[in-house]
Amino acid sequence: MTQLSFLALCAFVNRLGLEASSGYGVASKIVNFAMLVPSALMQSMASFVSQNVGAGNPKRAKQSMFTGIGVGLAFGCVVFALVMLKGDILAGFFSTDAAVIQKGFD
């Protein structure tokens, strides 16, 4: 369902013109890059917590879970601030066209 919704969104944005479509592509790259850290944290914390639960060490499992949540939250806040305040600079990493950078920031 998620992939179908992204397909529908892409079809809608393509009707808005080349700049909007390119801006959407740039914004999608930024989102995919930003999701690398939370995805890696999710996978590593799942195995680490489950190993500690299986070893009968629930205190360590709980501590590591909260550490993973804290790191993910801190990273998420930094990425949020970067996207909201300096999104045009981030978009500039993926395109040199000023109109595409502006659409990606929007």
PDB file of N, CA and C in Angstrom:
ATOM      1  N   MET A   1       0.821  -1.197   0.000  1.00  0.00           N
ATOM      2  CA  MET A   1       0.000   0.000   0.000  1.00  0.00           C
ATOM      3  C   MET A   1       0.869   1.267   0.000  1.00  0.00           C
ATOM      4  N   THR A   2       1.972   1.216   0.730  1.00  0.00           N
ATOM      5  CA  THR A   2       2.847   2.390   0.771  1.00  0.00           C
ATOM      6  C   THR A   2       3.423   2.686  -0.602  1.00  0.00           C
ATOM      7  N   GLN A   3       3.887   1.651  -1.282  1.00  0.00           N
ATOM      8  CA  GLN A   3       4.467   1.847  -2.607  1.00  0.00           C
ATOM      9  C   GLN A   3       3.414   2.334  -3.606  1.00  0.00           C
ATOM     10  N   LEU A   4       2.196   1.849  -3.471  1.00  0.00           N
ATOM     11  CA  LEU A   4       1.130   2.326  -4.352  1.00  0.00           C
ATOM     12  C   LEU A   4       0.818   3.801  -4.102  1.00  0.00           C
ATOM     13  N   SER A   5       0.855   4.205  -2.844  1.00  0.00           N
ATOM     14  CA  SER A   5       0.596   5.618  -2.550  1.00  0.00           C
ATOM     15  C   SER A   5       1.719   6.500  -3.092  1.00  0.00           C
ATOM     16  N   PHE A   6       2.975   6.031  -3.018  1.00  0.00           N
ATOM     17  CA  PHE A   6       4.070   6.794  -3.602  1.00  0.00           C
ATOM     18  C   PHE A   6       3.946   6.852  -5.118  1.00  0.00           C
ATOM     19  N   LEU A   7       3.459   5.797  -5.723  1.00  0.00           N
ATOM     20  CA  LEU A   7       3.250   5.789  -7.167  1.00  0.00           C
ATOM     21  C   LEU A   7       2.167   6.795  -7.558  1.00  0.00           C
ATOM     22  N   ALA A   8       1.095   6.826  -6.778  1.00  0.00           N
ATOM     23  CA  ALA A   8       0.019   7.788  -7.046  1.00  0.00           C
ATOM     24  C   ALA A   8       0.514   9.219  -6.846  1.00  0.00           C
ATOM     25  N   LEU A   9       1.303   9.452  -5.803  1.00  0.00           N
ATOM     26  CA  LEU A   9       1.854  10.781  -5.557  1.00  0.00           C
ATOM     27  C   LEU A   9       2.779  11.205  -6.683  1.00  0.00           C
ATOM     28  N   CYS A  10       3.600  10.291  -7.157  1.00  0.00           N
ATOM     29  CA  CYS A  10       4.510  10.581  -8.264  1.00  0.00           C
ATOM     30  C   CYS A  10       3.722  10.937  -9.531  1.00  0.00           C
ATOM     31  N   ALA A  11       2.646  10.198  -9.804  1.00  0.00           N
ATOM     32  CA  ALA A  11       1.823  10.495 -10.976  1.00  0.00           C
ATOM     33  C   ALA A  11       1.189  11.874 -10.859  1.00  0.00           C
ATOM     34  N   PHE A  12       0.760  12.238  -9.651  1.00  0.00           N
ATOM     35  CA  PHE A  12       0.169  13.559  -9.441  1.00  0.00           C
ATOM     36  C   PHE A  12       1.201  14.660  -9.635  1.00  0.00           C
ATOM     37  N   VAL A  13       2.392  14.484  -9.069  1.00  0.00           N
ATOM     38  CA  VAL A  13       3.439  15.508  -9.166  1.00  0.00           C
ATOM     39  C   VAL A  13       3.918  15.660 -10.604  1.00  0.00           C
ATOM     40  N   ASN A  14       3.964  14.577 -11.364  1.00  0.00           N
ATOM     41  CA  ASN A  14       4.414  14.652 -12.755  1.00  0.00           C
ATOM     42  C   ASN A  14       3.516  15.557 -13.590  1.00  0.00           C
ATOM     43  N   ARG A  15       2.268  15.693 -13.194  1.00  0.00           N
ATOM     44  CA  ARG A  15       1.346  16.567 -13.927  1.00  0.00           C
ATOM     45  C   ARG A  15       1.605  18.043 -13.655  1.00  0.00           C
ATOM     46  N   LEU A  16       2.389  18.346 -12.618  1.00  0.00           N
ATOM     47  CA  LEU A  16       2.657  19.738 -12.254  1.00  0.00           C
ATOM     48  C   LEU A  16       3.812  20.356 -13.031  1.00  0.00           C
ATOM     49  N   GLY A  17       4.512  19.544 -13.803  1.00  0.00           N
ATOM     50  CA  GLY A  17       5.593  20.075 -14.620  1.00  0.00           C
ATOM     51  C   GLY A  17       6.943  19.484 -14.260  1.00  0.00           C
ATOM     52  N   LEU A  18       7.925  19.841 -15.085  1.00  0.00           N
ATOM     53  CA  LEU A  18       9.267  19.286 -14.942  1.00  0.00           C
ATOM     54  C   LEU A  18       9.943  19.717 -13.641  1.00  0.00           C
ATOM     55  N   GLU A  19       9.827  21.005 -13.291  1.00  0.00           N
ATOM     56  CA  GLU A  19      10.485  21.486 -12.082  1.00  0.00           C
ATOM     57  C   GLU A  19       9.911  20.836 -10.833  1.00  0.00           C
ATOM     58  N   ALA A  20       8.592  20.724 -10.765  1.00  0.00           N
ATOM     59  CA  ALA A  20       7.960  20.087  -9.598  1.00  0.00           C
ATOM     60  C   ALA A  20       8.335  18.612  -9.520  1.00  0.00           C
ATOM     61  N   SER A  21       8.365  17.952 -10.666  1.00  0.00           N
ATOM     62  CA  SER A  21       8.739  16.540 -10.697  1.00  0.00           C
ATOM     63  C   SER A  21      10.188  16.336 -10.267  1.00  0.00           C
ATOM     64  N   SER A  22      11.067  17.188 -10.742  1.00  0.00           N
ATOM     65  CA  SER A  22      12.478  17.098 -10.351  1.00  0.00           C
ATOM     66  C   SER A  22      12.659  17.437  -8.877  1.00  0.00           C
ATOM     67  N   GLY A  23      11.928  18.431  -8.398  1.00  0.00           N
ATOM     68  CA  GLY A  23      11.978  18.786  -6.979  1.00  0.00           C
ATOM     69  C   GLY A  23      11.499  17.656  -6.089  1.00  0.00           C
ATOM     70  N   TYR A  24      10.454  16.959  -6.535  1.00  0.00           N
ATOM     71  CA  TYR A  24       9.962  15.797  -5.798  1.00  0.00           C
ATOM     72  C   TYR A  24      11.021  14.700  -5.758  1.00  0.00           C
ATOM     73  N   GLY A  25      11.715  14.510  -6.871  1.00  0.00           N
ATOM     74  CA  GLY A  25      12.782  13.508  -6.907  1.00  0.00           C
ATOM     75  C   GLY A  25      13.911  13.853  -5.955  1.00  0.00           C
ATOM     76  N   VAL A  26      14.273  15.132  -5.886  1.00  0.00           N
ATOM     77  CA  VAL A  26      15.323  15.575  -4.969  1.00  0.00           C
ATOM     78  C   VAL A  26      14.867  15.375  -3.517  1.00  0.00           C
ATOM     79  N   ALA A  27      13.636  15.765  -3.225  1.00  0.00           N
ATOM     80  CA  ALA A  27      13.115  15.603  -1.865  1.00  0.00           C
ATOM     81  C   ALA A  27      13.051  14.123  -1.475  1.00  0.00           C
ATOM     82  N   SER A  28      12.713  13.264  -2.413  1.00  0.00           N
ATOM     83  CA  SER A  28      12.675  11.829  -2.135  1.00  0.00           C
ATOM     84  C   SER A  28      14.061  11.286  -1.810  1.00  0.00           C
ATOM     85  N   LYS A  29      15.077  11.796  -2.494  1.00  0.00           N
ATOM     86  CA  LYS A  29      16.449  11.368  -2.194  1.00  0.00           C
ATOM     87  C   LYS A  29      16.854  11.791  -0.793  1.00  0.00           C
ATOM     88  N   ILE A  30      16.475  13.000  -0.394  1.00  0.00           N
ATOM     89  CA  ILE A  30      16.795  13.478   0.955  1.00  0.00           C
ATOM     90  C   ILE A  30      16.092  12.610   2.001  1.00  0.00           C
ATOM     91  N   VAL A  31      14.836  12.287   1.761  1.00  0.00           N
ATOM     92  CA  VAL A  31      14.094  11.430   2.696  1.00  0.00           C
ATOM     93  C   VAL A  31      14.730  10.052   2.782  1.00  0.00           C
ATOM     94  N   ASN A  32      15.087   9.466   1.656  1.00  0.00           N
ATOM     95  CA  ASN A  32      15.709   8.139   1.666  1.00  0.00           C
ATOM     96  C   ASN A  32      17.036   8.159   2.409  1.00  0.00           C
ATOM     97  N   PHE A  33      17.826   9.212   2.220  1.00  0.00           N
ATOM     98  CA  PHE A  33      19.099   9.327   2.927  1.00  0.00           C
ATOM     99  C   PHE A  33      18.869   9.482   4.430  1.00  0.00           C
ATOM    100  N   ALA A  34      17.887  10.303   4.811  1.00  0.00           N
ATOM    101  CA  ALA A  34      17.600  10.528   6.227  1.00  0.00           C
ATOM    102  C   ALA A  34      17.073   9.264   6.912  1.00  0.00           C
ATOM    103  N   MET A  35      16.437   8.383   6.169  1.00  0.00           N
ATOM    104  CA  MET A  35      15.877   7.160   6.761  1.00  0.00           C
ATOM    105  C   MET A  35      16.906   6.051   6.943  1.00  0.00           C
ATOM    106  N   LEU A  36      18.126   6.236   6.454  1.00  0.00           N
ATOM    107  CA  LEU A  36      19.152   5.201   6.609  1.00  0.00           C
ATOM    108  C   LEU A  36      19.495   4.952   8.073  1.00  0.00           C
ATOM    109  N   VAL A  37      19.697   6.013   8.841  1.00  0.00           N
ATOM    110  CA  VAL A  37      20.085   5.854  10.245  1.00  0.00           C
ATOM    111  C   VAL A  37      18.965   5.227  11.074  1.00  0.00           C
ATOM    112  N   PRO A  38      17.719   5.713  11.012  1.00  0.00           N
ATOM    113  CA  PRO A  38      16.668   5.057  11.792  1.00  0.00           C
ATOM    114  C   PRO A  38      16.451   3.593  11.398  1.00  0.00           C
ATOM    115  N   SER A  39      16.584   3.298  10.122  1.00  0.00           N
ATOM    116  CA  SER A  39      16.428   1.916   9.676  1.00  0.00           C
ATOM    117  C   SER A  39      17.533   1.032  10.240  1.00  0.00           C
ATOM    118  N   ALA A  40      18.765   1.520  10.210  1.00  0.00           N
ATOM    119  CA  ALA A  40      19.884   0.750  10.769  1.00  0.00           C
ATOM    120  C   ALA A  40      19.720   0.584  12.276  1.00  0.00           C
ATOM    121  N   LEU A  41      19.276   1.629  12.961  1.00  0.00           N
ATOM    122  CA  LEU A  41      19.037   1.526  14.402  1.00  0.00           C
ATOM    123  C   LEU A  41      17.957   0.501  14.709  1.00  0.00           C
ATOM    124  N   MET A  42      16.892   0.527  13.927  1.00  0.00           N
ATOM    125  CA  MET A  42      15.797  -0.407  14.152  1.00  0.00           C
ATOM    126  C   MET A  42      16.279  -1.852  14.031  1.00  0.00           C
ATOM    127  N   GLN A  43      17.040  -2.134  12.994  1.00  0.00           N
ATOM    128  CA  GLN A  43      17.511  -3.500  12.781  1.00  0.00           C
ATOM    129  C   GLN A  43      18.506  -3.931  13.849  1.00  0.00           C
ATOM    130  N   SER A  44      19.438  -3.052  14.196  1.00  0.00           N
ATOM    131  CA  SER A  44      20.445  -3.431  15.191  1.00  0.00           C
ATOM    132  C   SER A  44      19.842  -3.539  16.582  1.00  0.00           C
ATOM    133  N   MET A  45      18.944  -2.643  16.943  1.00  0.00           N
ATOM    134  CA  MET A  45      18.334  -2.696  18.274  1.00  0.00           C
ATOM    135  C   MET A  45      17.414  -3.913  18.408  1.00  0.00           C
ATOM    136  N   ALA A  46      16.752  -4.302  17.336  1.00  0.00           N
ATOM    137  CA  ALA A  46      15.883  -5.479  17.407  1.00  0.00           C
ATOM    138  C   ALA A  46      16.680  -6.724  17.754  1.00  0.00           C
ATOM    139  N   SER A  47      17.817  -6.908  17.113  1.00  0.00           N
ATOM    140  CA  SER A  47      18.611  -8.103  17.409  1.00  0.00           C
ATOM    141  C   SER A  47      19.286  -7.989  18.769  1.00  0.00           C
ATOM    142  N   PHE A  48      19.777  -6.813  19.129  1.00  0.00           N
ATOM    143  CA  PHE A  48      20.457  -6.648  20.413  1.00  0.00           C
ATOM    144  C   PHE A  48      19.490  -6.847  21.577  1.00  0.00           C
ATOM    145  N   VAL A  49      18.313  -6.256  21.490  1.00  0.00           N
ATOM    146  CA  VAL A  49      17.321  -6.396  22.563  1.00  0.00           C
ATOM    147  C   VAL A  49      16.837  -7.834  22.659  1.00  0.00           C
ATOM    148  N   SER A  50      16.573  -8.465  21.528  1.00  0.00           N
ATOM    149  CA  SER A  50      16.083  -9.846  21.568  1.00  0.00           C
ATOM    150  C   SER A  50      17.141 -10.804  22.113  1.00  0.00           C
ATOM    151  N   GLN A  51      18.413 -10.564  21.814  1.00  0.00           N
ATOM    152  CA  GLN A  51      19.472 -11.409  22.382  1.00  0.00           C
ATOM    153  C   GLN A  51      19.539 -11.257  23.895  1.00  0.00           C
ATOM    154  N   ASN A  52      19.385 -10.049  24.385  1.00  0.00           N
ATOM    155  CA  ASN A  52      19.416  -9.836  25.834  1.00  0.00           C
ATOM    156  C   ASN A  52      18.189 -10.399  26.521  1.00  0.00           C
ATOM    157  N   VAL A  53      17.040 -10.309  25.898  1.00  0.00           N
ATOM    158  CA  VAL A  53      15.840 -10.919  26.462  1.00  0.00           C
ATOM    159  C   VAL A  53      16.005 -12.435  26.505  1.00  0.00           C
ATOM    160  N   GLY A  54      16.523 -12.998  25.420  1.00  0.00           N
ATOM    161  CA  GLY A  54      16.749 -14.442  25.369  1.00  0.00           C
ATOM    162  C   GLY A  54      17.783 -14.905  26.379  1.00  0.00           C
ATOM    163  N   ALA A  55      18.750 -14.052  26.701  1.00  0.00           N
ATOM    164  CA  ALA A  55      19.790 -14.404  27.671  1.00  0.00           C
ATOM    165  C   ALA A  55      19.325 -14.164  29.103  1.00  0.00           C
ATOM    166  N   GLY A  56      18.104 -13.702  29.276  1.00  0.00           N
ATOM    167  CA  GLY A  56      17.574 -13.477  30.619  1.00  0.00           C
ATOM    168  C   GLY A  56      18.099 -12.200  31.262  1.00  0.00           C
ATOM    169  N   ASN A  57      18.399 -11.212  30.459  1.00  0.00           N
ATOM    170  CA  ASN A  57      18.915  -9.939  30.965  1.00  0.00           C
ATOM    171  C   ASN A  57      17.981  -8.805  30.542  1.00  0.00           C
ATOM    172  N   PRO A  58      16.783  -8.748  31.127  1.00  0.00           N
ATOM    173  CA  PRO A  58      15.808  -7.737  30.691  1.00  0.00           C
ATOM    174  C   PRO A  58      16.223  -6.304  31.012  1.00  0.00           C
ATOM    175  N   LYS A  59      17.009  -6.112  32.083  1.00  0.00           N
ATOM    176  CA  LYS A  59      17.447  -4.750  32.426  1.00  0.00           C
ATOM    177  C   LYS A  59      18.329  -4.177  31.318  1.00  0.00           C
ATOM    178  N   ARG A  60      19.259  -4.967  30.829  1.00  0.00           N
ATOM    179  CA  ARG A  60      20.138  -4.515  29.749  1.00  0.00           C
ATOM    180  C   ARG A  60      19.350  -4.318  28.453  1.00  0.00           C
ATOM    181  N   ALA A  61      18.378  -5.193  28.216  1.00  0.00           N
ATOM    182  CA  ALA A  61      17.543  -5.057  27.020  1.00  0.00           C
ATOM    183  C   ALA A  61      16.760  -3.751  27.055  1.00  0.00           C
ATOM    184  N   LYS A  62      16.196  -3.427  28.214  1.00  0.00           N
ATOM    185  CA  LYS A  62      15.423  -2.191  28.351  1.00  0.00           C
ATOM    186  C   LYS A  62      16.329  -0.970  28.206  1.00  0.00           C
ATOM    187  N   GLN A  63      17.520  -1.035  28.819  1.00  0.00           N
ATOM    188  CA  GLN A  63      18.461   0.070  28.726  1.00  0.00           C
ATOM    189  C   GLN A  63      18.906   0.297  27.280  1.00  0.00           C
ATOM    190  N   SER A  64      19.194  -0.766  26.579  1.00  0.00           N
ATOM    191  CA  SER A  64      19.626  -0.620  25.189  1.00  0.00           C
ATOM    192  C   SER A  64      18.482  -0.130  24.301  1.00  0.00           C
ATOM    193  N   MET A  65      17.267  -0.553  24.601  1.00  0.00           N
ATOM    194  CA  MET A  65      16.119  -0.076  23.829  1.00  0.00           C
ATOM    195  C   MET A  65      15.963   1.436  23.989  1.00  0.00           C
ATOM    196  N   PHE A  66      16.064   1.925  25.219  1.00  0.00           N
ATOM    197  CA  PHE A  66      15.935   3.362  25.445  1.00  0.00           C
ATOM    198  C   PHE A  66      17.113   4.141  24.861  1.00  0.00           C
ATOM    199  N   THR A  67      18.292   3.542  24.851  1.00  0.00           N
ATOM    200  CA  THR A  67      19.438   4.180  24.209  1.00  0.00           C
ATOM    201  C   THR A  67      19.201   4.321  22.710  1.00  0.00           C
ATOM    202  N   GLY A  68      18.695   3.260  22.087  1.00  0.00           N
ATOM    203  CA  GLY A  68      18.375   3.316  20.656  1.00  0.00           C
ATOM    204  C   GLY A  68      17.308   4.344  20.351  1.00  0.00           C
ATOM    205  N   ILE A  69      16.284   4.419  21.200  1.00  0.00           N
ATOM    206  CA  ILE A  69      15.236   5.417  21.012  1.00  0.00           C
ATOM    207  C   ILE A  69      15.816   6.821  21.142  1.00  0.00           C
ATOM    208  N   GLY A  70      16.694   7.024  22.117  1.00  0.00           N
ATOM    209  CA  GLY A  70      17.306   8.332  22.323  1.00  0.00           C
ATOM    210  C   GLY A  70      18.168   8.764  21.150  1.00  0.00           C
ATOM    211  N   VAL A  71      18.982   7.836  20.652  1.00  0.00           N
ATOM    212  CA  VAL A  71      19.839   8.156  19.499  1.00  0.00           C
ATOM    213  C   VAL A  71      18.975   8.463  18.271  1.00  0.00           C
ATOM    214  N   GLY A  72      17.952   7.658  18.060  1.00  0.00           N
ATOM    215  CA  GLY A  72      17.053   7.890  16.927  1.00  0.00           C
ATOM    216  C   GLY A  72      16.316   9.215  17.041  1.00  0.00           C
ATOM    217  N   LEU A  73      15.885   9.556  18.242  1.00  0.00           N
ATOM    218  CA  LEU A  73      15.191  10.820  18.460  1.00  0.00           C
ATOM    219  C   LEU A  73      16.127  12.006  18.239  1.00  0.00           C
ATOM    220  N   ALA A  74      17.350  11.905  18.756  1.00  0.00           N
ATOM    221  CA  ALA A  74      18.320  12.987  18.565  1.00  0.00           C
ATOM    222  C   ALA A  74      18.630  13.178  17.084  1.00  0.00           C
ATOM    223  N   PHE A  75      18.863  12.083  16.363  1.00  0.00           N
ATOM    224  CA  PHE A  75      19.134  12.174  14.935  1.00  0.00           C
ATOM    225  C   PHE A  75      17.931  12.752  14.195  1.00  0.00           C
ATOM    226  N   GLY A  76      16.745  12.314  14.568  1.00  0.00           N
ATOM    227  CA  GLY A  76      15.534  12.821  13.930  1.00  0.00           C
ATOM    228  C   GLY A  76      15.351  14.315  14.130  1.00  0.00           C
ATOM    229  N   CYS A  77      15.661  14.806  15.330  1.00  0.00           N
ATOM    230  CA  CYS A  77      15.546  16.249  15.593  1.00  0.00           C
ATOM    231  C   CYS A  77      16.553  17.048  14.774  1.00  0.00           C
ATOM    232  N   VAL A  78      17.772  16.521  14.648  1.00  0.00           N
ATOM    233  CA  VAL A  78      18.793  17.209  13.849  1.00  0.00           C
ATOM    234  C   VAL A  78      18.382  17.251  12.380  1.00  0.00           C
ATOM    235  N   VAL A  79      17.912  16.126  11.857  1.00  0.00           N
ATOM    236  CA  VAL A  79      17.491  16.080  10.453  1.00  0.00           C
ATOM    237  C   VAL A  79      16.290  16.994  10.229  1.00  0.00           C
ATOM    238  N   PHE A  80      15.350  16.998  11.172  1.00  0.00           N
ATOM    239  CA  PHE A  80      14.187  17.880  11.061  1.00  0.00           C
ATOM    240  C   PHE A  80      14.622  19.339  10.976  1.00  0.00           C
ATOM    241  N   ALA A  81      15.537  19.739  11.863  1.00  0.00           N
ATOM    242  CA  ALA A  81      16.010  21.122  11.860  1.00  0.00           C
ATOM    243  C   ALA A  81      16.739  21.446  10.556  1.00  0.00           C
ATOM    244  N   LEU A  82      17.563  20.526  10.076  1.00  0.00           N
ATOM    245  CA  LEU A  82      18.266  20.760   8.809  1.00  0.00           C
ATOM    246  C   LEU A  82      17.301  20.916   7.647  1.00  0.00           C
ATOM    247  N   VAL A  83      16.304  20.058   7.581  1.00  0.00           N
ATOM    248  CA  VAL A  83      15.350  20.110   6.468  1.00  0.00           C
ATOM    249  C   VAL A  83      14.508  21.377   6.534  1.00  0.00           C
ATOM    250  N   MET A  84      14.077  21.752   7.721  1.00  0.00           N
ATOM    251  CA  MET A  84      13.227  22.938   7.848  1.00  0.00           C
ATOM    252  C   MET A  84      14.003  24.243   7.632  1.00  0.00           C
ATOM    253  N   LEU A  85      15.251  24.293   8.120  1.00  0.00           N
ATOM    254  CA  LEU A  85      15.994  25.545   8.064  1.00  0.00           C
ATOM    255  C   LEU A  85      16.964  25.635   6.895  1.00  0.00           C
ATOM    256  N   LYS A  86      17.543  24.520   6.493  1.00  0.00           N
ATOM    257  CA  LYS A  86      18.564  24.513   5.445  1.00  0.00           C
ATOM    258  C   LYS A  86      18.241  23.490   4.354  1.00  0.00           C
ATOM    259  N   GLY A  87      16.970  23.306   4.084  1.00  0.00           N
ATOM    260  CA  GLY A  87      16.559  22.335   3.080  1.00  0.00           C
ATOM    261  C   GLY A  87      17.044  22.675   1.687  1.00  0.00           C
ATOM    262  N   ASP A  88      17.203  23.969   1.409  1.00  0.00           N
ATOM    263  CA  ASP A  88      17.702  24.359   0.091  1.00  0.00           C
ATOM    264  C   ASP A  88      19.159  23.929  -0.091  1.00  0.00           C
ATOM    265  N   ILE A  89      19.935  23.962   0.986  1.00  0.00           N
ATOM    266  CA  ILE A  89      21.328  23.502   0.900  1.00  0.00           C
ATOM    267  C   ILE A  89      21.373  21.998   0.688  1.00  0.00           C
ATOM    268  N   LEU A  90      20.508  21.269   1.410  1.00  0.00           N
ATOM    269  CA  LEU A  90      20.448  19.814   1.223  1.00  0.00           C
ATOM    270  C   LEU A  90      20.030  19.462  -0.195  1.00  0.00           C
ATOM    271  N   ALA A  91      19.043  20.179  -0.729  1.00  0.00           N
ATOM    272  CA  ALA A  91      18.601  19.924  -2.098  1.00  0.00           C
ATOM    273  C   ALA A  91      19.694  20.259  -3.095  1.00  0.00           C
ATOM    274  N   GLY A  92      20.549  21.206  -2.755  1.00  0.00           N
ATOM    275  CA  GLY A  92      21.648  21.583  -3.624  1.00  0.00           C
ATOM    276  C   GLY A  92      22.684  20.488  -3.803  1.00  0.00           C
ATOM    277  N   PHE A  93      22.713  19.519  -2.896  1.00  0.00           N
ATOM    278  CA  PHE A  93      23.618  18.378  -3.056  1.00  0.00           C
ATOM    279  C   PHE A  93      23.203  17.488  -4.218  1.00  0.00           C
ATOM    280  N   PHE A  94      21.920  17.517  -4.579  1.00  0.00           N
ATOM    281  CA  PHE A  94      21.394  16.611  -5.589  1.00  0.00           C
ATOM    282  C   PHE A  94      21.074  17.285  -6.913  1.00  0.00           C
ATOM    283  N   SER A  95      21.086  18.618  -6.957  1.00  0.00           N
ATOM    284  CA  SER A  95      20.780  19.335  -8.187  1.00  0.00           C
ATOM    285  C   SER A  95      21.473  20.696  -8.171  1.00  0.00           C
ATOM    286  N   THR A  96      21.770  21.202  -9.361  1.00  0.00           N
ATOM    287  CA  THR A  96      22.366  22.536  -9.468  1.00  0.00           C
ATOM    288  C   THR A  96      21.379  23.563 -10.015  1.00  0.00           C
ATOM    289  N   ASP A  97      20.227  23.114 -10.488  1.00  0.00           N
ATOM    290  CA  ASP A  97      19.212  24.011 -11.035  1.00  0.00           C
ATOM    291  C   ASP A  97      18.471  24.714  -9.894  1.00  0.00           C
ATOM    292  N   ALA A  98      18.471  26.045  -9.900  1.00  0.00           N
ATOM    293  CA  ALA A  98      17.875  26.818  -8.804  1.00  0.00           C
ATOM    294  C   ALA A  98      16.376  26.545  -8.648  1.00  0.00           C
ATOM    295  N   ALA A  99      15.669  26.398  -9.753  1.00  0.00           N
ATOM    296  CA  ALA A  99      14.227  26.145  -9.682  1.00  0.00           C
ATOM    297  C   ALA A  99      13.937  24.781  -9.078  1.00  0.00           C
ATOM    298  N   VAL A 100      14.736  23.784  -9.429  1.00  0.00           N
ATOM    299  CA  VAL A 100      14.554  22.434  -8.880  1.00  0.00           C
ATOM    300  C   VAL A 100      14.890  22.428  -7.394  1.00  0.00           C
ATOM    301  N   ILE A 101      15.940  23.150  -7.018  1.00  0.00           N
ATOM    302  CA  ILE A 101      16.309  23.235  -5.594  1.00  0.00           C
ATOM    303  C   ILE A 101      15.181  23.881  -4.798  1.00  0.00           C
ATOM    304  N   GLN A 102      14.601  24.934  -5.346  1.00  0.00           N
ATOM    305  CA  GLN A 102      13.498  25.607  -4.648  1.00  0.00           C
ATOM    306  C   GLN A 102      12.283  24.697  -4.518  1.00  0.00           C
ATOM    307  N   LYS A 103      11.952  23.975  -5.576  1.00  0.00           N
ATOM    308  CA  LYS A 103      10.810  23.051  -5.519  1.00  0.00           C
ATOM    309  C   LYS A 103      11.086  21.916  -4.538  1.00  0.00           C
ATOM    310  N   GLY A 104      12.305  21.431  -4.508  1.00  0.00           N
ATOM    311  CA  GLY A 104      12.665  20.386  -3.560  1.00  0.00           C
ATOM    312  C   GLY A 104      12.578  20.874  -2.128  1.00  0.00           C
ATOM    313  N   PHE A 105      12.966  22.129  -1.900  1.00  0.00           N
ATOM    314  CA  PHE A 105      12.866  22.728  -0.574  1.00  0.00           C
ATOM    315  C   PHE A 105      11.410  22.948  -0.184  1.00  0.00           C
ATOM    316  N   ASP A 106      10.611  23.367  -1.145  1.00  0.00           N
ATOM    317  CA  ASP A 106       9.169  23.591  -0.876  1.00  0.00           C
ATOM    318  C   ASP A 106       8.510  22.281  -0.483  1.00  0.00           C
TER     319      ASP A 106
END
